[in-house]
C-alpha atoms as a PDB file:
ATOM      1  CA  UNK A   1     -69.640 -31.707 -39.188  1.00  0.00           C
ATOM      2  CA  UNK A   2     -69.127 -28.180 -40.523  1.00  0.00           C
ATOM      3  CA  UNK A   3     -68.591 -27.741 -44.250  1.00  0.00           C
ATOM      4  CA  UNK A   4     -65.145 -26.964 -45.636  1.00  0.00           C
ATOM      5  CA  UNK A   5     -64.037 -24.126 -47.902  1.00  0.00           C
ATOM      6  CA  UNK A   6     -63.464 -26.724 -50.610  1.00  0.00           C
ATOM      7  CA  UNK A   7     -67.121 -27.809 -50.450  1.00  0.00           C
ATOM      8  CA  UNK A   8     -68.309 -24.201 -50.623  1.00  0.00           C
ATOM      9  CA  UNK A   9     -66.051 -23.563 -53.629  1.00  0.00           C
ATOM     10  CA  UNK A  10     -67.413 -26.626 -55.404  1.00  0.00           C
ATOM     11  CA  UNK A  11     -71.046 -25.652 -54.876  1.00  0.00           C
ATOM     12  CA  UNK A  12     -70.400 -22.009 -55.839  1.00  0.00           C
ATOM     13  CA  UNK A  13     -68.318 -23.017 -58.895  1.00  0.00           C
ATOM     14  CA  UNK A  14     -65.434 -20.788 -57.871  1.00  0.00           C
ATOM     15  CA  UNK A  15     -61.889 -21.369 -56.658  1.00  0.00           C
ATOM     16  CA  UNK A  16     -60.963 -22.051 -53.034  1.00  0.00           C
ATOM     17  CA  UNK A  17     -58.975 -18.793 -53.035  1.00  0.00           C
ATOM     18  CA  UNK A  18     -62.078 -16.851 -54.089  1.00  0.00           C
ATOM     19  CA  UNK A  19     -64.095 -18.400 -51.259  1.00  0.00           C
ATOM     20  CA  UNK A  20     -61.376 -17.530 -48.770  1.00  0.00           C
ATOM     21  CA  UNK A  21     -61.244 -13.931 -49.994  1.00  0.00           C
ATOM     22  CA  UNK A  22     -65.054 -13.597 -49.943  1.00  0.00           C
ATOM     23  CA  UNK A  23     -65.345 -14.885 -46.388  1.00  0.00           C
ATOM     24  CA  UNK A  24     -62.697 -12.376 -45.311  1.00  0.00           C
ATOM     25  CA  UNK A  25     -64.356  -9.425 -47.118  1.00  0.00           C
ATOM     26  CA  UNK A  26     -61.506  -9.030 -49.586  1.00  0.00           C
ATOM     27  CA  UNK A  27     -62.369  -6.109 -51.921  1.00  0.00           C
ATOM     28  CA  UNK A  28     -61.026  -8.078 -54.895  1.00  0.00           C
ATOM     29  CA  UNK A  29     -64.202 -10.195 -54.819  1.00  0.00           C
ATOM     30  CA  UNK A  30     -67.146  -8.461 -56.498  1.00  0.00           C
ATOM     31  CA  UNK A  31     -70.229  -7.875 -54.326  1.00  0.00           C
ATOM     32  CA  UNK A  32     -72.509 -10.283 -56.200  1.00  0.00           C
ATOM     33  CA  UNK A  33     -70.000 -13.152 -55.991  1.00  0.00           C
ATOM     34  CA  UNK A  34     -69.285 -12.476 -52.316  1.00  0.00           C
ATOM     35  CA  UNK A  35     -72.986 -12.483 -51.419  1.00  0.00           C
ATOM     36  CA  UNK A  36     -73.482 -15.730 -53.368  1.00  0.00           C
ATOM     37  CA  UNK A  37     -70.598 -17.425 -51.535  1.00  0.00           C
ATOM     38  CA  UNK A  38     -71.731 -16.205 -48.089  1.00  0.00           C
ATOM     39  CA  UNK A  39     -75.260 -17.472 -48.787  1.00  0.00           C
ATOM     40  CA  UNK A  40     -73.895 -20.934 -49.652  1.00  0.00           C
ATOM     41  CA  UNK A  41     -71.601 -20.917 -46.590  1.00  0.00           C
ATOM     42  CA  UNK A  42     -74.577 -20.184 -44.332  1.00  0.00           C
ATOM     43  CA  UNK A  43     -76.693 -22.892 -45.961  1.00  0.00           C
ATOM     44  CA  UNK A  44     -73.895 -25.398 -45.362  1.00  0.00           C
ATOM     45  CA  UNK A  45     -73.476 -24.150 -41.741  1.00  0.00           C
ATOM     46  CA  UNK A  46     -69.830 -23.330 -42.380  1.00  0.00           C
ATOM     47  CA  UNK A  47     -67.717 -22.614 -39.283  1.00  0.00           C
ATOM     48  CA  UNK A  48     -64.208 -21.216 -39.778  1.00  0.00           C
ATOM     49  CA  UNK A  49     -61.178 -23.116 -38.526  1.00  0.00           C
ATOM     50  CA  UNK A  50     -59.629 -20.530 -36.218  1.00  0.00           C
ATOM     51  CA  UNK A  51     -56.151 -22.043 -36.124  1.00  0.00           C
ATOM     52  CA  UNK A  52     -56.068 -22.520 -39.883  1.00  0.00           C
ATOM     53  CA  UNK A  53     -57.055 -18.893 -40.387  1.00  0.00           C
ATOM     54  CA  UNK A  54     -54.311 -17.771 -38.025  1.00  0.00           C
ATOM     55  CA  UNK A  55     -51.681 -19.716 -39.949  1.00  0.00           C
ATOM     56  CA  UNK A  56     -52.943 -18.475 -43.304  1.00  0.00           C
ATOM     57  CA  UNK A  57     -53.034 -14.822 -42.273  1.00  0.00           C
ATOM     58  CA  UNK A  58     -49.911 -15.060 -40.102  1.00  0.00           C
ATOM     59  CA  UNK A  59     -52.003 -13.146 -37.612  1.00  0.00           C
ATOM     60  CA  UNK A  60     -53.735 -14.736 -34.655  1.00  0.00           C
ATOM     61  CA  UNK A  61     -57.160 -13.913 -33.282  1.00  0.00           C
ATOM     62  CA  UNK A  62     -56.426 -15.986 -30.202  1.00  0.00           C
ATOM     63  CA  UNK A  63     -55.526 -14.728 -26.736  1.00  0.00           C
ATOM     64  CA  UNK A  64     -54.272 -16.797 -23.827  1.00  0.00           C
ATOM     65  CA  UNK A  65     -55.639 -16.632 -20.290  1.00  0.00           C
ATOM     66  CA  UNK A  66     -53.507 -18.308 -17.617  1.00  0.00           C
ATOM     67  CA  UNK A  67     -55.105 -18.841 -14.205  1.00  0.00           C
ATOM     68  CA  UNK A  68     -53.992 -20.665 -11.042  1.00  0.00           C
ATOM     69  CA  UNK A  69     -56.991 -22.975 -11.483  1.00  0.00           C
ATOM     70  CA  UNK A  70     -60.341 -23.000 -13.266  1.00  0.00           C
ATOM     71  CA  UNK A  71     -62.590 -24.931 -10.866  1.00  0.00           C
ATOM     72  CA  UNK A  72     -63.126 -22.099  -8.363  1.00  0.00           C
ATOM     73  CA  UNK A  73     -66.096 -19.795  -8.990  1.00  0.00           C
ATOM     74  CA  UNK A  74     -63.804 -16.756  -8.680  1.00  0.00           C
ATOM     75  CA  UNK A  75     -61.806 -17.868 -11.714  1.00  0.00           C
ATOM     76  CA  UNK A  76     -64.807 -18.879 -13.801  1.00  0.00           C
ATOM     77  CA  UNK A  77     -66.141 -15.317 -13.435  1.00  0.00           C
ATOM     78  CA  UNK A  78     -62.824 -13.956 -14.742  1.00  0.00           C
ATOM     79  CA  UNK A  79     -63.044 -16.323 -17.721  1.00  0.00           C
ATOM     80  CA  UNK A  80     -66.586 -15.120 -18.399  1.00  0.00           C
ATOM     81  CA  UNK A  81     -65.513 -11.473 -18.397  1.00  0.00           C
ATOM     82  CA  UNK A  82     -62.462 -12.027 -20.601  1.00  0.00           C
ATOM     83  CA  UNK A  83     -64.373 -14.139 -23.103  1.00  0.00           C
ATOM     84  CA  UNK A  84     -67.228 -11.646 -23.422  1.00  0.00           C
ATOM     85  CA  UNK A  85     -64.939  -8.772 -24.388  1.00  0.00           C
ATOM     86  CA  UNK A  86     -62.656 -10.921 -26.556  1.00  0.00           C
ATOM     87  CA  UNK A  87     -65.554 -12.467 -28.482  1.00  0.00           C
ATOM     88  CA  UNK A  88     -67.110  -9.048 -29.085  1.00  0.00           C
ATOM     89  CA  UNK A  89     -63.947  -8.170 -31.013  1.00  0.00           C
ATOM     90  CA  UNK A  90     -63.800 -11.532 -32.820  1.00  0.00           C
ATOM     91  CA  UNK A  91     -61.032 -12.917 -30.638  1.00  0.00           C
ATOM     92  CA  UNK A  92     -61.118 -16.322 -29.007  1.00  0.00           C
ATOM     93  CA  UNK A  93     -59.744 -17.256 -25.604  1.00  0.00           C
ATOM     94  CA  UNK A  94     -57.560 -20.238 -24.774  1.00  0.00           C
ATOM     95  CA  UNK A  95     -57.614 -20.937 -21.039  1.00  0.00           C
ATOM     96  CA  UNK A  96     -54.837 -22.754 -19.184  1.00  0.00           C
ATOM     97  CA  UNK A  97     -54.395 -23.421 -15.491  1.00  0.00           C
ATOM     98  CA  UNK A  98     -51.243 -23.803 -13.462  1.00  0.00           C
ATOM     99  CA  UNK A  99     -51.301 -25.032  -9.887  1.00  0.00           C
ATOM    100  CA  UNK A 100     -47.591 -24.779  -9.076  1.00  0.00           C
ATOM    101  CA  UNK A 101     -45.222 -21.893  -9.562  1.00  0.00           C
ATOM    102  CA  UNK A 102     -42.670 -23.928 -11.475  1.00  0.00           C
ATOM    103  CA  UNK A 103     -45.267 -25.188 -13.936  1.00  0.00           C
ATOM    104  CA  UNK A 104     -46.578 -21.629 -14.318  1.00  0.00           C
ATOM    105  CA  UNK A 105     -43.279 -20.643 -15.911  1.00  0.00           C
ATOM    106  CA  UNK A 106     -43.426 -23.681 -18.180  1.00  0.00           C
ATOM    107  CA  UNK A 107     -46.998 -22.811 -19.173  1.00  0.00           C
ATOM    108  CA  UNK A 108     -46.024 -19.253 -20.068  1.00  0.00           C
ATOM    109  CA  UNK A 109     -43.006 -20.362 -22.115  1.00  0.00           C
ATOM    110  CA  UNK A 110     -45.214 -22.848 -23.988  1.00  0.00           C
ATOM    111  CA  UNK A 111     -47.788 -20.154 -24.741  1.00  0.00           C
ATOM    112  CA  UNK A 112     -45.158 -17.677 -25.932  1.00  0.00           C
ATOM    113  CA  UNK A 113     -43.305 -20.172 -28.116  1.00  0.00           C
ATOM    114  CA  UNK A 114     -46.472 -21.619 -29.678  1.00  0.00           C
ATOM    115  CA  UNK A 115     -46.835 -18.671 -32.034  1.00  0.00           C
ATOM    116  CA  UNK A 116     -50.623 -19.055 -31.886  1.00  0.00           C
ATOM    117  CA  UNK A 117     -51.387 -16.121 -29.622  1.00  0.00           C
ATOM    118  CA  UNK A 118     -51.727 -12.384 -30.087  1.00  0.00           C
ATOM    119  CA  UNK A 119     -51.397 -11.731 -26.354  1.00  0.00           C
ATOM    120  CA  UNK A 120     -51.666 -13.161 -22.843  1.00  0.00           C
ATOM    121  CA  UNK A 121     -53.636 -12.309 -19.719  1.00  0.00           C
ATOM    122  CA  UNK A 122     -51.962 -13.728 -16.630  1.00  0.00           C
ATOM    123  CA  UNK A 123     -53.398 -13.954 -13.139  1.00  0.00           C
ATOM    124  CA  UNK A 124     -50.434 -14.536 -10.864  1.00  0.00           C
ATOM    125  CA  UNK A 125     -50.402 -13.690  -7.185  1.00  0.00           C
ATOM    126  CA  UNK A 126     -46.633 -13.384  -7.110  1.00  0.00           C
ATOM    127  CA  UNK A 127     -44.056 -12.733  -9.830  1.00  0.00           C
ATOM    128  CA  UNK A 128     -40.330 -13.241  -9.353  1.00  0.00           C
ATOM    129  CA  UNK A 129     -37.599 -11.618 -11.436  1.00  0.00           C
ATOM    130  CA  UNK A 130     -37.127 -14.702 -13.620  1.00  0.00           C
ATOM    131  CA  UNK A 131     -40.804 -14.826 -14.587  1.00  0.00           C
ATOM    132  CA  UNK A 132     -40.912 -11.080 -15.287  1.00  0.00           C
ATOM    133  CA  UNK A 133     -37.862 -11.513 -17.528  1.00  0.00           C
ATOM    134  CA  UNK A 134     -39.543 -14.351 -19.442  1.00  0.00           C
ATOM    135  CA  UNK A 135     -42.662 -12.244 -19.987  1.00  0.00           C
ATOM    136  CA  UNK A 136     -40.676  -9.172 -21.023  1.00  0.00           C
ATOM    137  CA  UNK A 137     -38.571 -11.078 -23.564  1.00  0.00           C
ATOM    138  CA  UNK A 138     -41.560 -12.866 -25.063  1.00  0.00           C
ATOM    139  CA  UNK A 139     -42.458  -9.867 -27.249  1.00  0.00           C
ATOM    140  CA  UNK A 140     -46.170 -10.518 -26.762  1.00  0.00           C
ATOM    141  CA  UNK A 141     -48.664  -8.021 -25.349  1.00  0.00           C
ATOM    142  CA  UNK A 142     -49.134  -8.930 -21.682  1.00  0.00           C
ATOM    143  CA  UNK A 143     -51.748  -7.838 -19.138  1.00  0.00           C
ATOM    144  CA  UNK A 144     -51.506  -8.921 -15.512  1.00  0.00           C
ATOM    145  CA  UNK A 145     -54.267  -9.432 -13.005  1.00  0.00           C
ATOM    146  CA  UNK A 146     -52.110  -8.681  -9.990  1.00  0.00           C
ATOM    147  CA  UNK A 147     -52.061  -6.324  -7.005  1.00  0.00           C
ATOM    148  CA  UNK A 148     -48.283  -5.962  -6.652  1.00  0.00           C
ATOM    149  CA  UNK A 149     -47.538  -2.233  -6.922  1.00  0.00           C
ATOM    150  CA  UNK A 150     -43.839  -2.961  -7.457  1.00  0.00           C
ATOM    151  CA  UNK A 151     -44.497  -4.270 -10.975  1.00  0.00           C
ATOM    152  CA  UNK A 152     -44.017  -1.395 -13.404  1.00  0.00           C
ATOM    153  CA  UNK A 153     -43.347  -3.040 -16.768  1.00  0.00           C
ATOM    154  CA  UNK A 154     -46.828  -4.328 -17.561  1.00  0.00           C
ATOM    155  CA  UNK A 155     -50.359  -3.034 -17.578  1.00  0.00           C
ATOM    156  CA  UNK A 156     -52.375  -4.440 -14.694  1.00  0.00           C
ATOM    157  CA  UNK A 157     -55.864  -4.869 -13.379  1.00  0.00           C
ATOM    158  CA  UNK A 158     -55.853  -4.902  -9.590  1.00  0.00           C
ATOM    159  CA  UNK A 159     -58.508  -5.514  -6.945  1.00  0.00           C
ATOM    160  CA  UNK A 160     -58.423  -2.994  -4.089  1.00  0.00           C
ATOM    161  CA  UNK A 161     -57.859  -5.741  -1.518  1.00  0.00           C
ATOM    162  CA  UNK A 162     -56.484  -3.523   1.240  1.00  0.00           C
ATOM    163  CA  UNK A 163     -59.400  -1.082   1.109  1.00  0.00           C
ATOM    164  CA  UNK A 164     -61.952  -3.918   1.111  1.00  0.00           C
ATOM    165  CA  UNK A 165     -60.405  -5.718   4.084  1.00  0.00           C
ATOM    166  CA  UNK A 166     -59.939  -2.516   6.078  1.00  0.00           C
ATOM    167  CA  UNK A 167     -63.558  -1.470   5.462  1.00  0.00           C
ATOM    168  CA  UNK A 168     -64.894  -4.876   6.535  1.00  0.00           C
ATOM    169  CA  UNK A 169     -62.784  -4.911   9.700  1.00  0.00           C
ATOM    170  CA  UNK A 170     -63.864  -1.365  10.526  1.00  0.00           C
ATOM    171  CA  UNK A 171     -67.510  -2.425  10.097  1.00  0.00           C
ATOM    172  CA  UNK A 172     -67.029  -5.403  12.437  1.00  0.00           C
ATOM    173  CA  UNK A 173     -65.454  -3.182  15.095  1.00  0.00           C
ATOM    174  CA  UNK A 174     -67.380   0.077  14.848  1.00  0.00           C
ATOM    175  CA  UNK A 175     -70.831  -1.108  13.773  1.00  0.00           C
ATOM    176  CA  UNK A 176     -71.008  -4.644  15.187  1.00  0.00           C
ATOM    177  CA  UNK A 177     -68.918  -3.757  18.249  1.00  0.00           C
ATOM    178  CA  UNK A 178     -66.714  -6.874  18.241  1.00  0.00           C
ATOM    179  CA  UNK A 179     -63.725  -6.591  20.589  1.00  0.00           C
ATOM    180  CA  UNK A 180     -61.824  -9.760  19.682  1.00  0.00           C
ATOM    181  CA  UNK A 181     -61.412 -10.582  15.984  1.00  0.00           C
ATOM    182  CA  UNK A 182     -59.709 -13.379  14.061  1.00  0.00           C
ATOM    183  CA  UNK A 183     -58.553 -13.521  10.468  1.00  0.00           C
ATOM    184  CA  UNK A 184     -57.842 -16.545   8.280  1.00  0.00           C
ATOM    185  CA  UNK A 185     -55.204 -15.358   5.826  1.00  0.00           C
ATOM    186  CA  UNK A 186     -54.506 -16.631   2.328  1.00  0.00           C
ATOM    187  CA  UNK A 187     -51.259 -18.107   0.962  1.00  0.00           C
ATOM    188  CA  UNK A 188     -48.102 -16.428   2.271  1.00  0.00           C
ATOM    189  CA  UNK A 189     -46.743 -15.654  -1.220  1.00  0.00           C
ATOM    190  CA  UNK A 190     -50.065 -14.300  -2.507  1.00  0.00           C
ATOM    191  CA  UNK A 191     -50.112 -10.501  -2.909  1.00  0.00           C
ATOM    192  CA  UNK A 192     -53.918 -10.279  -2.678  1.00  0.00           C
ATOM    193  CA  UNK A 193     -53.928 -12.311   0.533  1.00  0.00           C
ATOM    194  CA  UNK A 194     -51.184 -10.183   2.058  1.00  0.00           C
ATOM    195  CA  UNK A 195     -53.000  -6.943   1.239  1.00  0.00           C
ATOM    196  CA  UNK A 196     -56.196  -8.294   2.806  1.00  0.00           C
ATOM    197  CA  UNK A 197     -54.292  -9.331   5.933  1.00  0.00           C
ATOM    198  CA  UNK A 198     -52.627  -5.906   6.109  1.00  0.00           C
ATOM    199  CA  UNK A 199     -55.995  -4.170   5.861  1.00  0.00           C
ATOM    200  CA  UNK A 200     -57.343  -6.337   8.699  1.00  0.00           C
ATOM    201  CA  UNK A 201     -54.316  -5.809  10.959  1.00  0.00           C
ATOM    202  CA  UNK A 202     -54.140  -2.051  10.376  1.00  0.00           C
ATOM    203  CA  UNK A 203     -57.837  -1.606  11.198  1.00  0.00           C
ATOM    204  CA  UNK A 204     -57.493  -3.681  14.389  1.00  0.00           C
ATOM    205  CA  UNK A 205     -54.478  -1.643  15.470  1.00  0.00           C
ATOM    206  CA  UNK A 206     -56.069   1.686  14.602  1.00  0.00           C
ATOM    207  CA  UNK A 207     -59.170   0.867  16.648  1.00  0.00           C
ATOM    208  CA  UNK A 208     -57.156  -0.843  19.392  1.00  0.00           C
ATOM    209  CA  UNK A 209     -58.915  -4.220  19.478  1.00  0.00           C
ATOM    210  CA  UNK A 210     -57.522  -7.676  20.113  1.00  0.00           C
ATOM    211  CA  UNK A 211     -56.956  -9.962  17.139  1.00  0.00           C
ATOM    212  CA  UNK A 212     -55.366 -13.252  16.069  1.00  0.00           C
ATOM    213  CA  UNK A 213     -54.248 -14.566  12.663  1.00  0.00           C
ATOM    214  CA  UNK A 214     -54.582 -18.143  11.429  1.00  0.00           C
ATOM    215  CA  UNK A 215     -52.925 -19.190   8.168  1.00  0.00           C
ATOM    216  CA  UNK A 216     -54.895 -20.575   5.254  1.00  0.00           C
ATOM    217  CA  UNK A 217     -54.545 -21.147   1.509  1.00  0.00           C
ATOM    218  CA  UNK A 218     -57.897 -19.980   0.067  1.00  0.00           C
ATOM    219  CA  UNK A 219     -59.387 -23.505   0.078  1.00  0.00           C
ATOM    220  CA  UNK A 220     -62.456 -24.760   1.939  1.00  0.00           C
ATOM    221  CA  UNK A 221     -60.269 -27.317   3.694  1.00  0.00           C
ATOM    222  CA  UNK A 222     -57.948 -24.605   5.008  1.00  0.00           C
ATOM    223  CA  UNK A 223     -60.946 -22.637   6.258  1.00  0.00           C
ATOM    224  CA  UNK A 224     -62.280 -25.718   8.052  1.00  0.00           C
ATOM    225  CA  UNK A 225     -58.939 -26.421   9.763  1.00  0.00           C
ATOM    226  CA  UNK A 226     -58.326 -22.793  10.735  1.00  0.00           C
ATOM    227  CA  UNK A 227     -61.839 -22.461  12.147  1.00  0.00           C
ATOM    228  CA  UNK A 228     -61.211 -25.568  14.234  1.00  0.00           C
ATOM    229  CA  UNK A 229     -58.052 -24.027  15.695  1.00  0.00           C
ATOM    230  CA  UNK A 230     -59.828 -20.761  16.432  1.00  0.00           C
ATOM    231  CA  UNK A 231     -62.774 -22.434  18.143  1.00  0.00           C
ATOM    232  CA  UNK A 232     -60.531 -24.694  20.241  1.00  0.00           C
ATOM    233  CA  UNK A 233     -58.656 -21.765  21.793  1.00  0.00           C
ATOM    234  CA  UNK A 234     -59.294 -21.134  25.477  1.00  0.00           C
ATOM    235  CA  UNK A 235     -60.450 -17.607  24.587  1.00  0.00           C
ATOM    236  CA  UNK A 236     -62.561 -17.565  21.460  1.00  0.00           C
ATOM    237  CA  UNK A 237     -62.651 -14.747  18.966  1.00  0.00           C
ATOM    238  CA  UNK A 238     -66.104 -13.263  18.477  1.00  0.00           C
ATOM    239  CA  UNK A 239     -65.848 -13.142  14.696  1.00  0.00           C
ATOM    240  CA  UNK A 240     -63.841 -14.877  11.959  1.00  0.00           C
ATOM    241  CA  UNK A 241     -62.977 -12.794   8.912  1.00  0.00           C
ATOM    242  CA  UNK A 242     -61.793 -15.198   6.199  1.00  0.00           C
ATOM    243  CA  UNK A 243     -59.632 -13.818   3.381  1.00  0.00           C
ATOM    244  CA  UNK A 244     -61.958 -15.383   0.820  1.00  0.00           C
ATOM    245  CA  UNK A 245     -65.437 -16.882   0.703  1.00  0.00           C
ATOM    246  CA  UNK A 246     -64.230 -20.422   0.076  1.00  0.00           C
ATOM    247  CA  UNK A 247     -62.441 -20.460   3.443  1.00  0.00           C
ATOM    248  CA  UNK A 248     -65.534 -18.895   5.024  1.00  0.00           C
ATOM    249  CA  UNK A 249     -67.542 -21.815   3.624  1.00  0.00           C
ATOM    250  CA  UNK A 250     -65.008 -24.159   5.241  1.00  0.00           C
ATOM    251  CA  UNK A 251     -65.788 -22.398   8.543  1.00  0.00           C
ATOM    252  CA  UNK A 252     -69.507 -22.999   7.983  1.00  0.00           C
ATOM    253  CA  UNK A 253     -68.807 -26.693   7.451  1.00  0.00           C
ATOM    254  CA  UNK A 254     -66.833 -27.017  10.683  1.00  0.00           C
ATOM    255  CA  UNK A 255     -69.368 -25.098  12.758  1.00  0.00           C
ATOM    256  CA  UNK A 256     -72.296 -27.061  11.338  1.00  0.00           C
ATOM    257  CA  UNK A 257     -70.602 -30.374  12.112  1.00  0.00           C
ATOM    258  CA  UNK A 258     -70.032 -29.251  15.692  1.00  0.00           C
ATOM    259  CA  UNK A 259     -73.556 -27.915  16.260  1.00  0.00           C
ATOM    260  CA  UNK A 260     -72.376 -24.324  16.584  1.00  0.00           C
ATOM    261  CA  UNK A 261     -74.588 -21.481  15.377  1.00  0.00           C
ATOM    262  CA  UNK A 262     -73.680 -18.504  13.197  1.00  0.00           C
ATOM    263  CA  UNK A 263     -73.564 -15.724  14.404  1.00  0.00           C
ATOM    264  CA  UNK A 264     -74.690 -16.754  17.904  1.00  0.00           C
ATOM    265  CA  UNK A 265     -71.553 -18.751  18.748  1.00  0.00           C
ATOM    266  CA  UNK A 266     -69.210 -17.006  16.320  1.00  0.00           C
ATOM    267  CA  UNK A 267     -69.787 -14.552  13.473  1.00  0.00           C
ATOM    268  CA  UNK A 268     -68.324 -15.130   9.991  1.00  0.00           C
ATOM    269  CA  UNK A 269     -67.288 -12.715   7.234  1.00  0.00           C
ATOM    270  CA  UNK A 270     -65.671 -13.426   3.883  1.00  0.00           C
ATOM    271  CA  UNK A 271     -64.187 -11.772   0.808  1.00  0.00           C
ATOM    272  CA  UNK A 272     -65.128 -12.032  -2.929  1.00  0.00           C
ATOM    273  CA  UNK A 273     -68.924 -12.529  -2.756  1.00  0.00           C
ATOM    274  CA  UNK A 274     -68.974 -15.677  -4.842  1.00  0.00           C
ATOM    275  CA  UNK A 275     -72.426 -16.635  -6.110  1.00  0.00           C
ATOM    276  CA  UNK A 276     -73.141 -19.272  -3.452  1.00  0.00           C
ATOM    277  CA  UNK A 277     -72.459 -16.850  -0.565  1.00  0.00           C
ATOM    278  CA  UNK A 278     -75.952 -15.388  -0.667  1.00  0.00           C
ATOM    279  CA  UNK A 279     -77.508 -18.854  -0.374  1.00  0.00           C
ATOM    280  CA  UNK A 280     -75.599 -20.051   2.687  1.00  0.00           C
ATOM    281  CA  UNK A 281     -77.495 -20.419   5.965  1.00  0.00           C
ATOM    282  CA  UNK A 282     -77.212 -17.745   7.204  1.00  0.00           C
ATOM    283  CA  UNK A 283     -76.254 -15.719   4.101  1.00  0.00           C
ATOM    284  CA  UNK A 284     -72.615 -14.615   4.283  1.00  0.00           C
ATOM    285  CA  UNK A 285     -71.530 -11.058   5.026  1.00  0.00           C
ATOM    286  CA  UNK A 286     -68.649 -10.451   2.653  1.00  0.00           C
ATOM    287  CA  UNK A 287     -66.641  -8.044   0.543  1.00  0.00           C
ATOM    288  CA  UNK A 288     -67.880  -7.918  -3.025  1.00  0.00           C
ATOM    289  CA  UNK A 289     -65.463  -7.738  -5.915  1.00  0.00           C
ATOM    290  CA  UNK A 290     -66.931  -7.515  -9.395  1.00  0.00           C
ATOM    291  CA  UNK A 291     -64.760 -10.358 -10.647  1.00  0.00           C
ATOM    292  CA  UNK A 292     -66.363 -10.472 -14.077  1.00  0.00           C
ATOM    293  CA  UNK A 293     -65.449  -6.793 -14.457  1.00  0.00           C
ATOM    294  CA  UNK A 294     -61.838  -7.699 -13.615  1.00  0.00           C
ATOM    295  CA  UNK A 295     -61.857 -10.057 -16.594  1.00  0.00           C
ATOM    296  CA  UNK A 296     -63.533  -7.503 -18.863  1.00  0.00           C
ATOM    297  CA  UNK A 297     -61.038  -4.775 -18.006  1.00  0.00           C
ATOM    298  CA  UNK A 298     -58.078  -7.120 -18.488  1.00  0.00           C
ATOM    299  CA  UNK A 299     -59.366  -8.204 -21.898  1.00  0.00           C
ATOM    300  CA  UNK A 300     -60.012  -4.603 -22.958  1.00  0.00           C
ATOM    301  CA  UNK A 301     -56.473  -3.600 -21.935  1.00  0.00           C
ATOM    302  CA  UNK A 302     -54.961  -6.516 -23.828  1.00  0.00           C
ATOM    303  CA  UNK A 303     -56.947  -5.908 -27.009  1.00  0.00           C
ATOM    304  CA  UNK A 304     -55.967  -2.232 -26.915  1.00  0.00           C
ATOM    305  CA  UNK A 305     -52.325  -3.313 -26.700  1.00  0.00           C
ATOM    306  CA  UNK A 306     -52.796  -5.767 -29.572  1.00  0.00           C
ATOM    307  CA  UNK A 307     -54.340  -3.015 -31.703  1.00  0.00           C
ATOM    308  CA  UNK A 308     -51.756  -0.508 -30.431  1.00  0.00           C
ATOM    309  CA  UNK A 309     -54.461   1.669 -28.928  1.00  0.00           C
ATOM    310  CA  UNK A 310     -53.094   1.575 -25.395  1.00  0.00           C
ATOM    311  CA  UNK A 311     -51.885   4.596 -23.467  1.00  0.00           C
ATOM    312  CA  UNK A 312     -49.130   4.449 -20.893  1.00  0.00           C
ATOM    313  CA  UNK A 313     -47.396   1.029 -20.816  1.00  0.00           C
ATOM    314  CA  UNK A 314     -47.583   0.806 -17.035  1.00  0.00           C
ATOM    315  CA  UNK A 315     -51.212   1.876 -16.513  1.00  0.00           C
ATOM    316  CA  UNK A 316     -53.182   0.209 -13.720  1.00  0.00           C
ATOM    317  CA  UNK A 317     -56.937  -0.213 -13.424  1.00  0.00           C
ATOM    318  CA  UNK A 318     -58.113  -0.614  -9.832  1.00  0.00           C
ATOM    319  CA  UNK A 319     -61.372  -2.469  -9.241  1.00  0.00           C
ATOM    320  CA  UNK A 320     -62.974  -1.244  -5.983  1.00  0.00           C
ATOM    321  CA  UNK A 321     -64.519  -3.545  -3.400  1.00  0.00           C
ATOM    322  CA  UNK A 322     -67.748  -2.974  -1.443  1.00  0.00           C
ATOM    323  CA  UNK A 323     -69.288  -4.430   1.702  1.00  0.00           C
ATOM    324  CA  UNK A 324     -72.218  -6.795   1.342  1.00  0.00           C
ATOM    325  CA  UNK A 325     -73.981  -7.027   4.706  1.00  0.00           C
ATOM    326  CA  UNK A 326     -75.996 -10.166   5.349  1.00  0.00           C
ATOM    327  CA  UNK A 327     -76.845 -12.218   8.437  1.00  0.00           C
ATOM    328  CA  UNK A 328     -73.631 -14.086   9.309  1.00  0.00           C
ATOM    329  CA  UNK A 329     -72.412 -11.326  11.631  1.00  0.00           C
END
């Protein structure tokens, strides 16, 4: 167990207040005394109580990160990016997940009312007027990870979903020469999913090729079920472009179970380039998004707002996407 300030004070023969000031570089503590206290704190392996410090200073060095879930590799990369930047500036990250839209509002209200946080990063695929109002009235610095261009009140980090999906579809048509394409879309109310679907549809229309859309929800199970429907059609699509890699992996699972080969029987493409994609058999052709960079940029924006170093209140940072060509198509 880490030592307490009281134990440090006792060993250094000073008051608890003097220890507290020394550990926080208060100029009222002379250099010799401060160095003596810090040496004792290190020898006792002292670790500060973050919450206690926040209460004492009436200033928090905690930020909140709210994600739809934390089990998916996509979200763990965002956490990694946020934490790296936050920790470099001596801030700590509290992560919460919310699987349903109603509970998302409850989670945000809880975070705002807790009084523990200096700011919040929120990844939400869709924001209604009520939720925007809650965020705006919370009087906390807010940064969104969201691709909805209609949102003007908050700073945002956005993935260029449309550009990535259009570029992949163009590659499948112009370079791979596929004439009949299919797309497994993400959740209907998800802005990222809708932009990816729009990019796919616009490319198919512009190059005048046949296409079909199957609905999904970004899960492996949805990818499996949608792949089944596509492969059971009387006329099969030549390639399946899934709106994320997890659904593409679901396609792999279905095809493997039914002794179908990739790309001989059907080609597969994904979106996100999660870590496992390169190790699939065959490795997955996909659209790479530097997800860790998304987290880093969001954290940097939020910390600038906390320190009042930010520029325009409605600035947007767009994270570009790039094609990663492998052997699945």
